[in-house]
C-alpha atoms as a PDB file:
ATOM      1  CA  MET A   1     229.602 109.299  88.476  1.00  0.00           C
ATOM      2  CA  ARG A   2     231.273 106.890  85.907  1.00  0.00           C
ATOM      3  CA  ARG A   3     233.490 105.054  88.650  1.00  0.00           C
ATOM      4  CA  TYR A   4     229.934 104.030  90.250  1.00  0.00           C
ATOM      5  CA  LEU A   5     228.152 102.948  86.815  1.00  0.00           C
ATOM      6  CA  GLN A   6     231.546 100.113  87.482  1.00  0.00           C
ATOM      7  CA  ILE A   7     229.273  98.559  90.188  1.00  0.00           C
ATOM      8  CA  ALA A   8     226.092  98.362  87.703  1.00  0.00           C
ATOM      9  CA  ASP A   9     227.831  94.553  87.162  1.00  0.00           C
ATOM     10  CA  TYR A  10     226.963  93.230  90.503  1.00  0.00           C
ATOM     11  CA  LEU A  11     224.194  95.866  91.575  1.00  0.00           C
ATOM     12  CA  GLU A  12     220.547  96.527  90.222  1.00  0.00           C
ATOM     13  CA  LEU A  13     219.215  99.260  91.738  1.00  0.00           C
ATOM     14  CA  ILE A  14     215.434  99.000  92.689  1.00  0.00           C
ATOM     15  CA  PRO A  15     213.430 102.447  91.315  1.00  0.00           C
ATOM     16  CA  THR A  16     212.524 104.222  94.602  1.00  0.00           C
ATOM     17  CA  GLU A  17     210.785 108.239  94.691  1.00  0.00           C
ATOM     18  CA  THR A  18     212.130 108.819  98.378  1.00  0.00           C
ATOM     19  CA  GLY A  19     213.955 107.926 101.353  1.00  0.00           C
ATOM     20  CA  PHE A  20     217.555 107.586 102.628  1.00  0.00           C
ATOM     21  CA  HIS A  21     218.432 104.253 101.319  1.00  0.00           C
ATOM     22  CA  ALA A  22     218.505 102.457  98.114  1.00  0.00           C
ATOM     23  CA  LEU A  23     217.980  99.527  97.692  1.00  0.00           C
ATOM     24  CA  ALA A  24     219.825  96.948  95.082  1.00  0.00           C
ATOM     25  CA  ARG A  25     219.640  93.382  94.221  1.00  0.00           C
ATOM     26  CA  PHE A  26     222.689  91.447  93.364  1.00  0.00           C
ATOM     27  CA  ARG A  27     222.933  90.382  89.791  1.00  0.00           C
ATOM     28  CA  ARG A  28     224.892  87.195  90.609  1.00  0.00           C
ATOM     29  CA  ASP A  29     225.263  84.530  93.659  1.00  0.00           C
ATOM     30  CA  PHE A  30     226.765  86.643  96.191  1.00  0.00           C
ATOM     31  CA  ASP A  31     226.085  85.813  99.788  1.00  0.00           C
ATOM     32  CA  GLU A  32     224.508  88.308 101.613  1.00  0.00           C
ATOM     33  CA  ARG A  33     226.136  88.595 105.048  1.00  0.00           C
ATOM     34  CA  ARG A  34     229.719  87.455 103.189  1.00  0.00           C
ATOM     35  CA  ILE A  35     229.277  91.153 101.057  1.00  0.00           C
ATOM     36  CA  GLU A  36     228.267  92.699 104.574  1.00  0.00           C
ATOM     37  CA  GLN A  37     231.344  91.615 106.285  1.00  0.00           C
ATOM     38  CA  LEU A  38     233.839  92.493 103.304  1.00  0.00           C
ATOM     39  CA  ALA A  39     231.757  95.542 103.269  1.00  0.00           C
ATOM     40  CA  MET A  40     232.716  96.978 107.096  1.00  0.00           C
ATOM     41  CA  GLN A  41     236.106  95.951 106.462  1.00  0.00           C
ATOM     42  CA  ALA A  42     236.178  98.565 103.401  1.00  0.00           C
ATOM     43  CA  ASP A  43     234.846 100.786 105.938  1.00  0.00           C
ATOM     44  CA  LEU A  44     231.409 100.960 104.239  1.00  0.00           C
ATOM     45  CA  LEU A  45     228.245 100.536 105.595  1.00  0.00           C
ATOM     46  CA  VAL A  46     225.434  98.078 104.216  1.00  0.00           C
ATOM     47  CA  ARG A  47     222.732  96.407 105.093  1.00  0.00           C
ATOM     48  CA  PRO A  48     221.506  92.497 103.594  1.00  0.00           C
ATOM     49  CA  LEU A  49     217.792  92.991 102.441  1.00  0.00           C
ATOM     50  CA  SER A  50     217.104  90.243 104.282  1.00  0.00           C
ATOM     51  CA  ASN A  51     217.770  92.020 107.509  1.00  0.00           C
ATOM     52  CA  TYR A  52     213.963  93.744 106.122  1.00  0.00           C
ATOM     53  CA  CYS A  53     211.852  90.455 105.678  1.00  0.00           C
ATOM     54  CA  ILE A  54     209.692  88.721 107.631  1.00  0.00           C
ATOM     55  CA  GLU A  55     210.529  85.200 105.803  1.00  0.00           C
ATOM     56  CA  PRO A  56     213.383  84.644 103.573  1.00  0.00           C
ATOM     57  CA  LEU A  57     213.068  85.227  99.948  1.00  0.00           C
ATOM     58  CA  ASP A  58     215.511  83.839  97.994  1.00  0.00           C
ATOM     59  CA  SER A  59     214.722  85.476  94.905  1.00  0.00           C
ATOM     60  CA  LEU A  60     215.304  88.784  96.555  1.00  0.00           C
ATOM     61  CA  ARG A  61     219.365  89.280  97.777  1.00  0.00           C
ATOM     62  CA  GLY A  62     221.048  92.552  97.832  1.00  0.00           C
ATOM     63  CA  ILE A  63     222.107  94.862 100.280  1.00  0.00           C
ATOM     64  CA  ALA A  64     220.268  98.253 101.312  1.00  0.00           C
ATOM     65  CA  LEU A  65     222.954 101.491 100.580  1.00  0.00           C
ATOM     66  CA  GLY A  66     222.398 104.389 102.868  1.00  0.00           C
ATOM     67  CA  TYR A  67     223.107 107.542 101.007  1.00  0.00           C
ATOM     68  CA  GLY A  68     221.494 110.458 103.734  1.00  0.00           C
ATOM     69  CA  CYS A  69     223.931 112.882 104.360  1.00  0.00           C
ATOM     70  CA  VAL A  70     227.211 111.862 102.066  1.00  0.00           C
ATOM     71  CA  SER A  71     228.400 114.312  99.610  1.00  0.00           C
ATOM     72  CA  PRO A  72     228.739 113.304  95.864  1.00  0.00           C
ATOM     73  CA  SER A  73     232.454 112.970  96.102  1.00  0.00           C
ATOM     74  CA  GLN A  74     231.984 110.160  99.076  1.00  0.00           C
ATOM     75  CA  ILE A  75     229.826 108.551  97.264  1.00  0.00           C
ATOM     76  CA  GLU A  76     232.322 108.096  94.289  1.00  0.00           C
ATOM     77  CA  ASP A  77     234.487 106.765  96.998  1.00  0.00           C
ATOM     78  CA  ALA A  78     232.277 104.520  97.958  1.00  0.00           C
ATOM     79  CA  ALA A  79     231.296 102.992  94.686  1.00  0.00           C
ATOM     80  CA  VAL A  80     234.829 102.197  93.963  1.00  0.00           C
ATOM     81  CA  ARG A  81     235.326 100.468  97.658  1.00  0.00           C
ATOM     82  CA  LEU A  82     232.253  98.762  97.059  1.00  0.00           C
ATOM     83  CA  ARG A  83     232.859  97.571  93.619  1.00  0.00           C
ATOM     84  CA  GLN A  84     236.418  96.221  95.117  1.00  0.00           C
ATOM     85  CA  VAL A  85     233.812  94.102  97.918  1.00  0.00           C
ATOM     86  CA  PHE A  86     232.502  92.207  94.555  1.00  0.00           C
ATOM     87  CA  ALA A  87     235.456  91.666  93.087  1.00  0.00           C
ATOM     88  CA  ALA A  88     236.598  89.927  96.486  1.00  0.00           C
ATOM     89  CA  ALA A  89     233.641  88.000  97.262  1.00  0.00           C
END
């Protein structure tokens, strides 16, 4: 879990009470599409929040993270790789 906290430098989780996805806002000025591309190269699947908006929201940029059917150890591994994605962006 400690490794997951390292991505808190880049993401702020949006509170939710149900579901199989977590939504996270960028804490810095990142391009959603660039993060999506880099994540794919790291064998991670994330989706830009703008995919779910009817109209563009410049004030809300971030990603959707799926976690259904994923073990805690897989989540930790993905968090490490996601941190590397943000560091490379």
